[in-house]
C-alpha atoms as a PDB file:
ATOM      1  CA  MET A   1       0.000   0.000   0.000  1.00  0.00           C
ATOM      2  CA  LEU A   2       1.407   3.379  -1.013  1.00  0.00           C
ATOM      3  CA  ILE A   3       1.805   5.787   1.913  1.00  0.00           C
ATOM      4  CA  GLY A   4       4.951   7.584   0.842  1.00  0.00           C
ATOM      5  CA  TYR A   5       8.589   7.256   1.739  1.00  0.00           C
ATOM      6  CA  LYS A   6       7.853   7.471   5.438  1.00  0.00           C
ATOM      7  CA  THR A   7       4.936   5.889   7.232  1.00  0.00           C
ATOM      8  CA  LEU A   8       1.892   7.851   8.226  1.00  0.00           C
ATOM      9  CA  ALA A   9       3.194   7.737  11.790  1.00  0.00           C
ATOM     10  CA  LEU A  10       5.533  10.514  10.735  1.00  0.00           C
ATOM     11  CA  LEU A  11       2.855  12.947   9.623  1.00  0.00           C
ATOM     12  CA  LEU A  12       3.023  16.342  11.223  1.00  0.00           C
ATOM     13  CA  LEU A  13       0.220  15.606  13.627  1.00  0.00           C
ATOM     14  CA  PRO A  14       0.508  15.496  17.437  1.00  0.00           C
ATOM     15  CA  ALA A  15      -0.440  12.192  19.029  1.00  0.00           C
ATOM     16  CA  PHE A  16      -2.688  12.495  22.069  1.00  0.00           C
ATOM     17  CA  ILE A  17      -2.027   9.990  24.824  1.00  0.00           C
ATOM     18  CA  GLY A  18      -4.024  10.331  28.009  1.00  0.00           C
ATOM     19  CA  GLY A  19      -5.122  13.792  26.919  1.00  0.00           C
ATOM     20  CA  VAL A  20      -1.534  15.089  26.634  1.00  0.00           C
ATOM     21  CA  ALA A  21      -0.164  16.055  23.240  1.00  0.00           C
ATOM     22  CA  GLU A  22       3.135  14.374  22.357  1.00  0.00           C
ATOM     23  CA  GLU A  23       5.623  15.936  19.987  1.00  0.00           C
ATOM     24  CA  SER A  24       5.780  14.410  16.498  1.00  0.00           C
ATOM     25  CA  VAL A  25       8.698  12.178  15.678  1.00  0.00           C
ATOM     26  CA  ALA A  26      11.607  14.306  14.522  1.00  0.00           C
ATOM     27  CA  GLN A  27      11.777  14.462  10.734  1.00  0.00           C
ATOM     28  CA  ASP A  28      14.238  15.440   8.104  1.00  0.00           C
ATOM     29  CA  PRO A  29      12.690  18.485   6.380  1.00  0.00           C
ATOM     30  CA  ARG A  30      13.605  16.851   3.060  1.00  0.00           C
ATOM     31  CA  ASP A  31      11.342  13.901   3.798  1.00  0.00           C
ATOM     32  CA  CYS A  32       8.454  13.528   1.391  1.00  0.00           C
ATOM     33  CA  LEU A  33       4.794  13.950   2.148  1.00  0.00           C
ATOM     34  CA  PRO A  34       2.693  10.768   2.025  1.00  0.00           C
ATOM     35  CA  GLY A  35       2.271   9.582  -1.547  1.00  0.00           C
ATOM     36  CA  TYR A  36       5.739  10.690  -2.659  1.00  0.00           C
ATOM     37  CA  VAL A  37       9.222   9.165  -2.589  1.00  0.00           C
ATOM     38  CA  TRP A  38      12.718  10.387  -3.364  1.00  0.00           C
ATOM     39  CA  ARG A  39      13.359  10.181  -7.102  1.00  0.00           C
ATOM     40  CA  ALA A  40      16.873   8.735  -6.720  1.00  0.00           C
ATOM     41  CA  ALA A  41      17.965   9.509 -10.275  1.00  0.00           C
ATOM     42  CA  ARG A  42      21.331   9.402  -8.518  1.00  0.00           C
ATOM     43  CA  ALA A  43      22.168   8.597  -4.904  1.00  0.00           C
ATOM     44  CA  ASP A  44      21.685  12.157  -3.614  1.00  0.00           C
ATOM     45  CA  ASP A  45      18.635  13.027  -5.739  1.00  0.00           C
ATOM     46  CA  LEU A  46      16.054  13.816  -3.049  1.00  0.00           C
ATOM     47  CA  VAL A  47      13.381  15.393  -5.239  1.00  0.00           C
ATOM     48  CA  CYS A  48       9.997  14.051  -4.102  1.00  0.00           C
ATOM     49  CA  VAL A  49       7.985  12.337  -6.852  1.00  0.00           C
ATOM     50  CA  ILE A  50       5.293   9.718  -7.173  1.00  0.00           C
ATOM     51  CA  PRO A  51       6.673   6.134  -7.032  1.00  0.00           C
ATOM     52  CA  GLN A  52       5.989   5.705 -10.742  1.00  0.00           C
ATOM     53  CA  SER A  53       8.445   8.509 -11.517  1.00  0.00           C
ATOM     54  CA  ARG A  54      11.189   6.909  -9.429  1.00  0.00           C
ATOM     55  CA  ALA A  55      10.715   3.706 -11.421  1.00  0.00           C
ATOM     56  CA  LEU A  56      10.904   5.722 -14.668  1.00  0.00           C
ATOM     57  CA  ALA A  57      14.150   7.381 -13.557  1.00  0.00           C
ATOM     58  CA  ALA A  58      15.683   3.983 -12.784  1.00  0.00           C
ATOM     59  CA  ASP A  59      14.574   2.670 -16.170  1.00  0.00           C
ATOM     60  CA  GLU A  60      16.048   5.717 -17.914  1.00  0.00           C
ATOM     61  CA  ASN A  61      19.360   5.153 -16.133  1.00  0.00           C
ATOM     62  CA  ALA A  62      19.403   1.534 -17.281  1.00  0.00           C
ATOM     63  CA  LYS A  63      18.705   2.484 -20.916  1.00  0.00           C
ATOM     64  CA  ALA A  64      21.188   5.374 -20.987  1.00  0.00           C
ATOM     65  CA  PRO A  65      24.062   3.486 -22.715  1.00  0.00           C
ATOM     66  CA  PHE A  66      21.782   2.583 -25.623  1.00  0.00           C
ATOM     67  CA  ARG A  67      20.537   6.137 -26.211  1.00  0.00           C
ATOM     68  CA  ARG A  68      23.857   7.907 -26.624  1.00  0.00           C
ATOM     69  CA  GLU A  69      26.626   7.990 -29.192  1.00  0.00           C
ATOM     70  CA  PRO A  70      29.141   5.104 -28.998  1.00  0.00           C
ATOM     71  CA  GLY A  71      31.956   7.302 -27.774  1.00  0.00           C
ATOM     72  CA  PRO A  72      32.397  10.689 -26.097  1.00  0.00           C
ATOM     73  CA  ARG A  73      33.302  13.917 -27.861  1.00  0.00           C
ATOM     74  CA  ASP A  74      35.617  16.111 -25.813  1.00  0.00           C
ATOM     75  CA  GLY A  75      34.802  13.912 -22.842  1.00  0.00           C
ATOM     76  CA  VAL A  76      31.028  14.328 -23.219  1.00  0.00           C
ATOM     77  CA  TYR A  77      28.507  11.703 -24.333  1.00  0.00           C
ATOM     78  CA  TYR A  78      25.926  13.168 -26.690  1.00  0.00           C
ATOM     79  CA  CYS A  79      22.489  11.663 -27.309  1.00  0.00           C
ATOM     80  CA  LEU A  80      21.330   9.805 -30.378  1.00  0.00           C
ATOM     81  CA  SER A  81      18.754  11.550 -32.567  1.00  0.00           C
ATOM     82  CA  GLY A  82      15.385  11.823 -30.835  1.00  0.00           C
ATOM     83  CA  PHE A  83      16.836  11.945 -27.308  1.00  0.00           C
ATOM     84  CA  VAL A  84      17.979  14.819 -25.076  1.00  0.00           C
ATOM     85  CA  TRP A  85      19.834  15.161 -21.790  1.00  0.00           C
ATOM     86  CA  ARG A  86      17.482  14.618 -18.868  1.00  0.00           C
ATOM     87  CA  GLU A  87      18.791  17.478 -16.673  1.00  0.00           C
ATOM     88  CA  ALA A  88      17.217  16.182 -13.482  1.00  0.00           C
ATOM     89  CA  TYR A  89      20.215  17.698 -11.662  1.00  0.00           C
ATOM     90  CA  GLU A  90      23.279  19.681 -12.691  1.00  0.00           C
ATOM     91  CA  GLY A  91      25.429  17.552 -14.971  1.00  0.00           C
ATOM     92  CA  ASP A  92      22.700  14.954 -15.675  1.00  0.00           C
ATOM     93  CA  THR A  93      23.451  13.748 -19.213  1.00  0.00           C
ATOM     94  CA  VAL A  94      21.270  10.638 -19.176  1.00  0.00           C
ATOM     95  CA  CYS A  95      19.568  10.574 -22.575  1.00  0.00           C
ATOM     96  CA  VAL A  96      15.762  10.523 -22.498  1.00  0.00           C
ATOM     97  CA  THR A  97      12.842  11.561 -24.669  1.00  0.00           C
ATOM     98  CA  PRO A  98      11.931  15.277 -24.678  1.00  0.00           C
ATOM     99  CA  ALA A  99       8.733  14.423 -22.788  1.00  0.00           C
ATOM    100  CA  ALA A 100      10.762  12.741 -20.038  1.00  0.00           C
ATOM    101  CA  ARG A 101      12.970  15.825 -19.660  1.00  0.00           C
ATOM    102  CA  GLN A 102       9.835  17.955 -19.354  1.00  0.00           C
ATOM    103  CA  ARG A 103       8.597  15.574 -16.659  1.00  0.00           C
ATOM    104  CA  VAL A 104      11.709  15.983 -14.493  1.00  0.00           C
ATOM    105  CA  TRP A 105      11.702  19.765 -14.965  1.00  0.00           C
ATOM    106  CA  GLU A 106       8.134  19.840 -13.624  1.00  0.00           C
ATOM    107  CA  GLU A 107       9.108  17.535 -10.745  1.00  0.00           C
ATOM    108  CA  ASN A 108      11.980  19.850  -9.836  1.00  0.00           C
ATOM    109  CA  ALA A 109       9.648  22.855  -9.865  1.00  0.00           C
ATOM    110  CA  LEU A 110       7.215  21.094  -7.494  1.00  0.00           C
ATOM    111  CA  ALA A 111       9.889  19.563  -5.257  1.00  0.00           C
ATOM    112  CA  ALA A 112       9.525  21.888  -2.249  1.00  0.00           C
ATOM    113  CA  SER A 113       5.730  21.575  -2.171  1.00  0.00           C
ATOM    114  CA  ARG A 114       6.026  17.809  -1.779  1.00  0.00           C
ATOM    115  CA  THR A 115       8.259  17.833   1.290  1.00  0.00           C
ATOM    116  CA  VAL A 116       7.409  17.827   4.973  1.00  0.00           C
ATOM    117  CA  ALA A 117       8.958  21.274   5.329  1.00  0.00           C
ATOM    118  CA  GLY A 118       7.214  22.955   2.407  1.00  0.00           C
ATOM    119  CA  GLY A 119       4.076  20.957   1.719  1.00  0.00           C
ATOM    120  CA  VAL A 120       0.530  20.789   3.035  1.00  0.00           C
ATOM    121  CA  ASP A 121      -1.173  17.696   4.397  1.00  0.00           C
ATOM    122  CA  PHE A 122      -3.475  16.336   1.689  1.00  0.00           C
ATOM    123  CA  ARG A 123      -6.336  15.845   4.203  1.00  0.00           C
ATOM    124  CA  THR A 124      -6.660  19.410   5.475  1.00  0.00           C
ATOM    125  CA  VAL A 125      -9.673  21.568   4.688  1.00  0.00           C
ATOM    126  CA  GLY A 126      -9.432  23.322   1.337  1.00  0.00           C
ATOM    127  CA  GLN A 127      -8.612  22.510  -2.266  1.00  0.00           C
ATOM    128  CA  HIS A 128      -5.692  20.251  -3.143  1.00  0.00           C
ATOM    129  CA  THR A 129      -4.176  18.663  -6.237  1.00  0.00           C
ATOM    130  CA  LEU A 130      -2.778  15.140  -6.053  1.00  0.00           C
ATOM    131  CA  LEU A 131      -0.835  13.325  -8.768  1.00  0.00           C
ATOM    132  CA  VAL A 132      -1.242   9.552  -8.765  1.00  0.00           C
ATOM    133  CA  GLY A 133       0.363   6.844 -10.844  1.00  0.00           C
ATOM    134  CA  VAL A 134      -0.635   3.453 -12.183  1.00  0.00           C
ATOM    135  CA  THR A 135      -0.695   0.462  -9.834  1.00  0.00           C
ATOM    136  CA  THR A 136      -1.742  -2.254 -12.262  1.00  0.00           C
ATOM    137  CA  SER A 137      -2.444  -2.662 -15.965  1.00  0.00           C
ATOM    138  CA  ARG A 138      -3.833  -5.186 -18.425  1.00  0.00           C
ATOM    139  CA  ASN A 139      -2.871  -5.499 -22.095  1.00  0.00           C
ATOM    140  CA  ALA A 140      -5.198  -7.017 -24.685  1.00  0.00           C
ATOM    141  CA  TRP A 141      -5.624  -7.148 -28.442  1.00  0.00           C
ATOM    142  CA  GLU A 142      -8.025  -8.216 -31.168  1.00  0.00           C
ATOM    143  CA  SER A 143      -7.278  -9.063 -34.798  1.00  0.00           C
ATOM    144  CA  ARG A 144      -9.149 -10.028 -37.909  1.00  0.00           C
ATOM    145  CA  THR A 145      -7.618 -12.010 -40.782  1.00  0.00           C
ATOM    146  CA  TYR A 146      -8.948 -11.639 -44.320  1.00  0.00           C
ATOM    147  CA  SER A 147      -6.693 -14.186 -46.043  1.00  0.00           C
ATOM    148  CA  SER A 148      -5.240 -17.410 -44.721  1.00  0.00           C
ATOM    149  CA  THR A 149      -2.146 -17.062 -46.908  1.00  0.00           C
ATOM    150  CA  CYS A 150      -1.115 -13.429 -46.443  1.00  0.00           C
ATOM    151  CA  GLY A 151       1.577 -14.147 -43.826  1.00  0.00           C
ATOM    152  CA  GLU A 152       0.362 -11.909 -41.022  1.00  0.00           C
ATOM    153  CA  LEU A 153       2.198 -11.654 -37.709  1.00  0.00           C
ATOM    154  CA  THR A 154       1.763 -14.866 -35.715  1.00  0.00           C
ATOM    155  CA  PRO A 155       1.261 -15.025 -32.841  1.00  0.00           C
ATOM    156  CA  MET A 156      -0.188 -11.601 -32.128  1.00  0.00           C
ATOM    157  CA  PRO A 157       0.768  -9.212 -30.632  1.00  0.00           C
ATOM    158  CA  GLY A 158       4.427 -10.266 -30.597  1.00  0.00           C
ATOM    159  CA  VAL A 159       6.787  -7.326 -30.034  1.00  0.00           C
ATOM    160  CA  MET A 160       3.782  -4.989 -30.004  1.00  0.00           C
ATOM    161  CA  ASP A 161       2.644  -6.364 -26.648  1.00  0.00           C
ATOM    162  CA  GLY A 162       2.032  -3.446 -24.287  1.00  0.00           C
ATOM    163  CA  MET A 163       1.597  -0.957 -27.114  1.00  0.00           C
ATOM    164  CA  VAL A 164      -1.668   0.901 -27.856  1.00  0.00           C
ATOM    165  CA  GLY A 165      -3.217   1.626 -31.244  1.00  0.00           C
ATOM    166  CA  TRP A 166      -4.435  -0.035 -34.396  1.00  0.00           C
ATOM    167  CA  GLY A 167      -3.386  -0.956 -37.894  1.00  0.00           C
ATOM    168  CA  GLN A 168      -4.232  -2.808 -41.069  1.00  0.00           C
ATOM    169  CA  ALA A 169      -2.324  -4.314 -43.966  1.00  0.00           C
ATOM    170  CA  GLU A 170      -2.929  -5.119 -47.591  1.00  0.00           C
ATOM    171  CA  ILE A 171      -0.339  -6.929 -49.696  1.00  0.00           C
ATOM    172  CA  GLY A 172       0.613  -7.440 -53.308  1.00  0.00           C
ATOM    173  CA  TRP A 173       0.189  -5.173 -56.315  1.00  0.00           C
ATOM    174  CA  LEU A 174      -3.493  -6.070 -56.454  1.00  0.00           C
ATOM    175  CA  GLY A 175      -3.986  -4.907 -52.872  1.00  0.00           C
ATOM    176  CA  GLU A 176      -5.093  -8.160 -51.241  1.00  0.00           C
ATOM    177  CA  ASN A 177      -6.783  -7.588 -47.890  1.00  0.00           C
ATOM    178  CA  CYS A 178      -4.563  -9.203 -45.262  1.00  0.00           C
ATOM    179  CA  PHE A 179      -5.409  -8.410 -41.651  1.00  0.00           C
ATOM    180  CA  ALA A 180      -6.290  -5.710 -39.108  1.00  0.00           C
ATOM    181  CA  PHE A 181      -5.791  -5.346 -35.378  1.00  0.00           C
ATOM    182  CA  VAL A 182      -6.479  -3.179 -32.312  1.00  0.00           C
ATOM    183  CA  LEU A 183      -4.253  -3.001 -29.195  1.00  0.00           C
ATOM    184  CA  GLU A 184      -5.333  -1.689 -25.803  1.00  0.00           C
ATOM    185  CA  ARG A 185      -4.148  -1.209 -22.233  1.00  0.00           C
ATOM    186  CA  ALA A 186      -6.358  -0.890 -19.169  1.00  0.00           C
ATOM    187  CA  VAL A 187      -4.883   0.907 -16.152  1.00  0.00           C
ATOM    188  CA  GLN A 188      -5.941   1.350 -12.547  1.00  0.00           C
ATOM    189  CA  PHE A 189      -4.546   4.156 -10.436  1.00  0.00           C
ATOM    190  CA  ASP A 190      -3.296   4.298  -6.870  1.00  0.00           C
ATOM    191  CA  PHE A 191      -6.213   5.742  -4.920  1.00  0.00           C
ATOM    192  CA  THR A 192      -4.695   4.894  -1.520  1.00  0.00           C
ATOM    193  CA  LEU A 193      -4.422   8.488  -0.377  1.00  0.00           C
ATOM    194  CA  MET A 194      -7.759   9.528  -1.848  1.00  0.00           C
ATOM    195  CA  ASP A 195      -9.437   6.670   0.008  1.00  0.00           C
ATOM    196  CA  MET A 196      -8.023   8.056   3.280  1.00  0.00           C
ATOM    197  CA  ILE A 197     -10.124  11.209   2.901  1.00  0.00           C
ATOM    198  CA  PRO A 198     -13.693  10.320   3.953  1.00  0.00           C
ATOM    199  CA  ASP A 199     -15.313  13.584   2.825  1.00  0.00           C
ATOM    200  CA  LYS A 200     -14.102  15.100  -0.404  1.00  0.00           C
ATOM    201  CA  ILE A 201     -15.402  16.506  -3.658  1.00  0.00           C
ATOM    202  CA  VAL A 202     -13.521  15.749  -6.845  1.00  0.00           C
ATOM    203  CA  ASP A 203     -13.391  19.002  -8.797  1.00  0.00           C
ATOM    204  CA  ARG A 204     -11.340  17.798 -11.762  1.00  0.00           C
ATOM    205  CA  ALA A 205      -9.435  14.725 -12.922  1.00  0.00           C
ATOM    206  CA  VAL A 206      -7.028  14.876 -15.861  1.00  0.00           C
ATOM    207  CA  LEU A 207      -5.489  11.809 -17.478  1.00  0.00           C
ATOM    208  CA  SER A 208      -2.048  12.431 -19.026  1.00  0.00           C
ATOM    209  CA  TYR A 209       0.584  10.314 -20.746  1.00  0.00           C
ATOM    210  CA  ASP A 210       3.671  10.549 -22.900  1.00  0.00           C
ATOM    211  CA  GLU A 211       3.302   9.018 -26.367  1.00  0.00           C
ATOM    212  CA  VAL A 212       5.896   8.126 -28.983  1.00  0.00           C
ATOM    213  CA  GLU A 213       5.896   5.877 -32.031  1.00  0.00           C
ATOM    214  CA  ALA A 214       6.176   2.216 -31.039  1.00  0.00           C
ATOM    215  CA  PRO A 215       9.647   0.796 -31.759  1.00  0.00           C
ATOM    216  CA  SER A 216       8.613  -2.073 -34.047  1.00  0.00           C
ATOM    217  CA  CYS A 217       5.538  -3.196 -35.992  1.00  0.00           C
ATOM    218  CA  PRO A 218       6.343  -6.339 -38.032  1.00  0.00           C
ATOM    219  CA  LEU A 219       2.861  -6.889 -39.436  1.00  0.00           C
ATOM    220  CA  VAL A 220       3.381  -9.135 -42.467  1.00  0.00           C
ATOM    221  CA  VAL A 221       6.270 -11.438 -43.342  1.00  0.00           C
ATOM    222  CA  GLY A 222       8.358  -9.996 -46.158  1.00  0.00           C
ATOM    223  CA  TYR A 223       7.048  -6.432 -45.766  1.00  0.00           C
ATOM    224  CA  SER A 224       8.385  -3.459 -43.802  1.00  0.00           C
ATOM    225  CA  TYR A 225       6.145  -1.193 -41.733  1.00  0.00           C
ATOM    226  CA  ARG A 226       6.539   1.896 -39.600  1.00  0.00           C
ATOM    227  CA  CYS A 227       4.354   2.059 -36.501  1.00  0.00           C
ATOM    228  CA  TRP A 228       3.147   5.484 -37.603  1.00  0.00           C
ATOM    229  CA  GLN A 229       2.352   5.443 -41.308  1.00  0.00           C
ATOM    230  CA  ASN A 230      -0.405   6.451 -43.716  1.00  0.00           C
ATOM    231  CA  GLY A 231      -2.462   4.269 -46.015  1.00  0.00           C
ATOM    232  CA  GLU A 232       0.244   4.381 -48.685  1.00  0.00           C
ATOM    233  CA  GLY A 233       2.768   2.949 -46.251  1.00  0.00           C
ATOM    234  CA  ASN A 234       4.738   6.174 -45.781  1.00  0.00           C
ATOM    235  CA  TYR A 235       5.760   7.586 -42.404  1.00  0.00           C
ATOM    236  CA  GLU A 236       3.216  10.013 -40.979  1.00  0.00           C
ATOM    237  CA  VAL A 237       3.350  12.142 -37.845  1.00  0.00           C
ATOM    238  CA  LYS A 238       0.320  11.295 -35.707  1.00  0.00           C
ATOM    239  CA  ALA A 239      -0.346  14.769 -34.311  1.00  0.00           C
ATOM    240  CA  ASN A 240      -3.334  13.613 -32.255  1.00  0.00           C
ATOM    241  CA  GLY A 241      -1.782  10.317 -31.278  1.00  0.00           C
ATOM    242  CA  CYS A 242      -3.287   6.862 -31.610  1.00  0.00           C
ATOM    243  CA  VAL A 243      -5.274   6.652 -28.385  1.00  0.00           C
ATOM    244  CA  GLU A 244      -8.938   6.793 -27.492  1.00  0.00           C
ATOM    245  CA  VAL A 245      -9.989   6.744 -23.829  1.00  0.00           C
ATOM    246  CA  ARG A 246     -12.915   4.717 -22.539  1.00  0.00           C
ATOM    247  CA  ILE A 247     -14.117   3.407 -19.185  1.00  0.00           C
ATOM    248  CA  PRO A 248     -14.209  -0.376 -18.501  1.00  0.00           C
ATOM    249  CA  SER A 249     -17.577  -1.618 -17.331  1.00  0.00           C
ATOM    250  CA  MET A 250     -16.258  -4.607 -15.359  1.00  0.00           C
ATOM    251  CA  ASP A 251     -13.923  -4.935 -12.379  1.00  0.00           C
ATOM    252  CA  TRP A 252     -11.003  -6.282 -14.417  1.00  0.00           C
ATOM    253  CA  VAL A 253      -8.513  -5.961 -11.546  1.00  0.00           C
ATOM    254  CA  ARG A 254     -10.409  -8.568  -9.510  1.00  0.00           C
ATOM    255  CA  ASN A 255     -12.152 -10.487 -12.279  1.00  0.00           C
ATOM    256  CA  GLY A 256     -10.018  -9.875 -15.351  1.00  0.00           C
ATOM    257  CA  GLY A 257      -9.490 -13.571 -15.905  1.00  0.00           C
ATOM    258  CA  THR A 258     -13.200 -14.060 -16.561  1.00  0.00           C
ATOM    259  CA  VAL A 259     -12.988 -12.070 -19.799  1.00  0.00           C
ATOM    260  CA  GLN A 260     -10.656 -13.126 -22.570  1.00  0.00           C
ATOM    261  CA  GLY A 261      -9.393 -10.489 -24.971  1.00  0.00           C
ATOM    262  CA  ARG A 262     -10.548  -6.891 -24.925  1.00  0.00           C
ATOM    263  CA  LEU A 263     -12.535  -5.462 -22.032  1.00  0.00           C
ATOM    264  CA  PRO A 264     -16.164  -4.380 -22.289  1.00  0.00           C
ATOM    265  CA  THR A 265     -16.686  -0.626 -21.936  1.00  0.00           C
ATOM    266  CA  PHE A 266     -19.595   1.728 -21.403  1.00  0.00           C
ATOM    267  CA  ALA A 267     -21.149   2.813 -24.684  1.00  0.00           C
ATOM    268  CA  SER A 268     -22.408   6.029 -23.066  1.00  0.00           C
ATOM    269  CA  GLY A 269     -22.994   7.721 -19.722  1.00  0.00           C
ATOM    270  CA  GLN A 270     -19.298   8.217 -18.873  1.00  0.00           C
ATOM    271  CA  PRO A 271     -18.457  11.833 -19.834  1.00  0.00           C
ATOM    272  CA  ILE A 272     -14.913  12.053 -21.264  1.00  0.00           C
ATOM    273  CA  SER A 273     -13.430  14.862 -23.333  1.00  0.00           C
ATOM    274  CA  ARG A 274     -10.058  15.363 -24.997  1.00  0.00           C
ATOM    275  CA  ILE A 275      -8.090  18.365 -23.708  1.00  0.00           C
ATOM    276  CA  ASN A 276      -5.197  17.992 -26.136  1.00  0.00           C
ATOM    277  CA  ALA A 277      -3.253  15.242 -27.892  1.00  0.00           C
ATOM    278  CA  ARG A 278      -1.982  13.725 -24.629  1.00  0.00           C
ATOM    279  CA  GLN A 279      -4.551  14.758 -22.004  1.00  0.00           C
ATOM    280  CA  TRP A 280      -8.173  13.845 -21.307  1.00  0.00           C
ATOM    281  CA  ASP A 281     -10.752  15.215 -18.875  1.00  0.00           C
ATOM    282  CA  VAL A 282     -12.084  12.202 -16.960  1.00  0.00           C
ATOM    283  CA  THR A 283     -13.569  14.093 -14.026  1.00  0.00           C
ATOM    284  CA  SER A 284     -16.982  12.433 -13.796  1.00  0.00           C
ATOM    285  CA  PRO A 285     -15.850   8.790 -14.257  1.00  0.00           C
ATOM    286  CA  ILE A 286     -13.067   9.172 -11.680  1.00  0.00           C
ATOM    287  CA  ALA A 287     -15.301  11.043  -9.218  1.00  0.00           C
ATOM    288  CA  TRP A 288     -17.852   8.237  -9.481  1.00  0.00           C
ATOM    289  CA  GLN A 289     -15.177   5.591  -8.983  1.00  0.00           C
ATOM    290  CA  LEU A 290     -14.145   7.402  -5.797  1.00  0.00           C
ATOM    291  CA  SER A 291     -17.807   7.973  -4.808  1.00  0.00           C
ATOM    292  CA  SER A 292     -17.030  11.683  -4.555  1.00  0.00           C
ATOM    293  CA  PRO A 293     -19.809  12.157  -5.472  1.00  0.00           C
ATOM    294  CA  ALA A 294     -21.542   8.868  -6.239  1.00  0.00           C
ATOM    295  CA  PRO A 295     -22.872   8.276  -9.762  1.00  0.00           C
ATOM    296  CA  PRO A 296     -26.173  10.021 -10.516  1.00  0.00           C
ATOM    297  CA  LEU A 297     -29.417   8.072 -10.673  1.00  0.00           C
ATOM    298  CA  GLY A 298     -29.050   5.584 -13.500  1.00  0.00           C
ATOM    299  CA  GLY A 299     -25.292   6.110 -13.711  1.00  0.00           C
ATOM    300  CA  MET A 300     -22.784   3.310 -13.383  1.00  0.00           C
ATOM    301  CA  ARG A 301     -19.430   3.094 -11.612  1.00  0.00           C
ATOM    302  CA  GLY A 302     -16.537   2.206 -13.920  1.00  0.00           C
ATOM    303  CA  TYR A 303     -13.205   0.521 -13.223  1.00  0.00           C
ATOM    304  CA  GLY A 304     -10.048   2.415 -14.079  1.00  0.00           C
ATOM    305  CA  VAL A 305      -9.367   3.738 -17.555  1.00  0.00           C
ATOM    306  CA  LEU A 306      -8.939   2.012 -20.907  1.00  0.00           C
ATOM    307  CA  LEU A 307      -6.482   3.375 -23.481  1.00  0.00           C
ATOM    308  CA  THR A 308      -7.285   1.783 -26.806  1.00  0.00           C
ATOM    309  CA  GLY A 309      -6.837   2.163 -30.539  1.00  0.00           C
ATOM    310  CA  GLY A 310      -9.528   4.378 -32.019  1.00  0.00           C
ATOM    311  CA  PRO A 311     -11.435   2.288 -34.594  1.00  0.00           C
ATOM    312  CA  SER A 312     -13.355  -0.851 -33.721  1.00  0.00           C
ATOM    313  CA  ILE A 313     -12.129  -4.029 -35.355  1.00  0.00           C
ATOM    314  CA  ASP A 314     -15.370  -4.115 -37.360  1.00  0.00           C
ATOM    315  CA  GLY A 315     -14.559  -0.688 -38.753  1.00  0.00           C
ATOM    316  CA  LEU A 316     -11.242  -1.818 -40.245  1.00  0.00           C
ATOM    317  CA  THR A 317     -11.179  -3.247 -43.765  1.00  0.00           C
ATOM    318  CA  ALA A 318      -7.463  -3.911 -44.445  1.00  0.00           C
ATOM    319  CA  GLN A 319      -7.879  -2.009 -47.711  1.00  0.00           C
ATOM    320  CA  ASP A 320      -4.776   0.121 -47.098  1.00  0.00           C
ATOM    321  CA  ASN A 321      -1.645   0.128 -44.903  1.00  0.00           C
ATOM    322  CA  THR A 322      -2.491   2.649 -42.216  1.00  0.00           C
ATOM    323  CA  VAL A 323      -0.729   1.929 -38.919  1.00  0.00           C
ATOM    324  CA  CYS A 324      -1.059   3.949 -35.711  1.00  0.00           C
ATOM    325  CA  VAL A 325       0.674   2.125 -32.841  1.00  0.00           C
ATOM    326  CA  SER A 326       2.198   4.017 -29.902  1.00  0.00           C
ATOM    327  CA  ASP A 327       4.365   3.357 -26.891  1.00  0.00           C
ATOM    328  CA  LEU A 328       2.830   5.071 -23.844  1.00  0.00           C
ATOM    329  CA  SER A 329       4.692   5.986 -20.667  1.00  0.00           C
ATOM    330  CA  ASN A 330       4.275   8.192 -17.594  1.00  0.00           C
ATOM    331  CA  ILE A 331       0.526   7.556 -17.429  1.00  0.00           C
ATOM    332  CA  THR A 332      -0.763   9.702 -14.574  1.00  0.00           C
ATOM    333  CA  LEU A 333      -3.951  11.079 -13.115  1.00  0.00           C
ATOM    334  CA  GLU A 334      -4.009  14.595 -11.653  1.00  0.00           C
ATOM    335  CA  ILE A 335      -6.915  14.935  -9.244  1.00  0.00           C
ATOM    336  CA  THR A 336      -8.031  18.312  -7.929  1.00  0.00           C
ATOM    337  CA  TYR A 337     -10.372  17.921  -4.967  1.00  0.00           C
ATOM    338  CA  THR A 338     -11.853  19.895  -2.095  1.00  0.00           C
ATOM    339  CA  VAL A 339     -12.020  18.833   1.556  1.00  0.00           C
ATOM    340  CA  PRO A 340     -14.958  20.699   3.141  1.00  0.00           C
ATOM    341  CA  PRO A 341     -15.053  21.790   6.793  1.00  0.00           C
ATOM    342  CA  SER A 342     -16.151  19.066   9.177  1.00  0.00           C
ATOM    343  CA  GLY A 343     -19.899  18.579   9.166  1.00  0.00           C
ATOM    344  CA  GLU A 344     -20.496  20.615   6.023  1.00  0.00           C
ATOM    345  CA  PHE A 345     -23.060  19.121   3.664  1.00  0.00           C
ATOM    346  CA  ILE A 346     -21.672  17.929   0.332  1.00  0.00           C
ATOM    347  CA  PRO A 347     -24.340  18.538  -2.302  1.00  0.00           C
ATOM    348  CA  PRO A 348     -24.811  15.843  -4.948  1.00  0.00           C
ATOM    349  CA  ARG A 349     -24.021  16.781  -8.549  1.00  0.00           C
END
């Protein structure tokens, strides 16, 4: 259970024993508030981040040798094309994606507000914003074959496992329909801290993620494909990405094994809107999942969030070579909520 780098026993709250207030356990002012941990991009990196970000920093460190030029120039290792220095601290030349560098810049800017010395307890009266990461996920796919001899990828999804998007392939100069597929990932977020606040109103919930072209999409034997390409098979920048967001209608974390393949989702009644290419407003579905407030009459509680390729498998014809498959990382949920004064009535929405 996520409660931060230190246990909740170290919160800045006096403990009352026999009616006498005891002093809180002495703390290092650099200690993180509950829900955050030291990033540890290097041994003395004490910037407070969500646990997911610490795992990302460790992964970036492990991949660093493969993202830089083979040898140094004037004693400095420069990044391969598409990567930049992370700059989590002075002299940090670990090569990462531009989105990852933006992530650590934002973490550095918020560092003080996430410490015991400079932060505010997330349960106090007033409005707060909490960033939470993914605790569990489920990958699934669906494909449709139009010809038994076209040589499609077998077994699916192969190296595309964990990616999100869709694609289709036709082969030969006559344009023989070959096959089509959709890839998806369901995620559930760490609501541990939110569940510790009995009375709260969710004001806004924003889903965010970093998205880049998937590294490999070997769709048909003997043919070469980019993971972002147009119907003619040429590379194409996917300005709006490859992801659609939906809400699963079953508790897949507990009962995921009962459904094979892709998860069922609500056809309607779960208000979701795109903010930009990498962000979605999921306020109502998340508020209902947290019962803050409960779903309206006739509404249904969902289970996490589903990131899936846009078209349905029935809407794909394999009559061209469009591919839109992405690698997603840093999937987070930013929840803005209000804790009302004790005893104040929370009106239903």
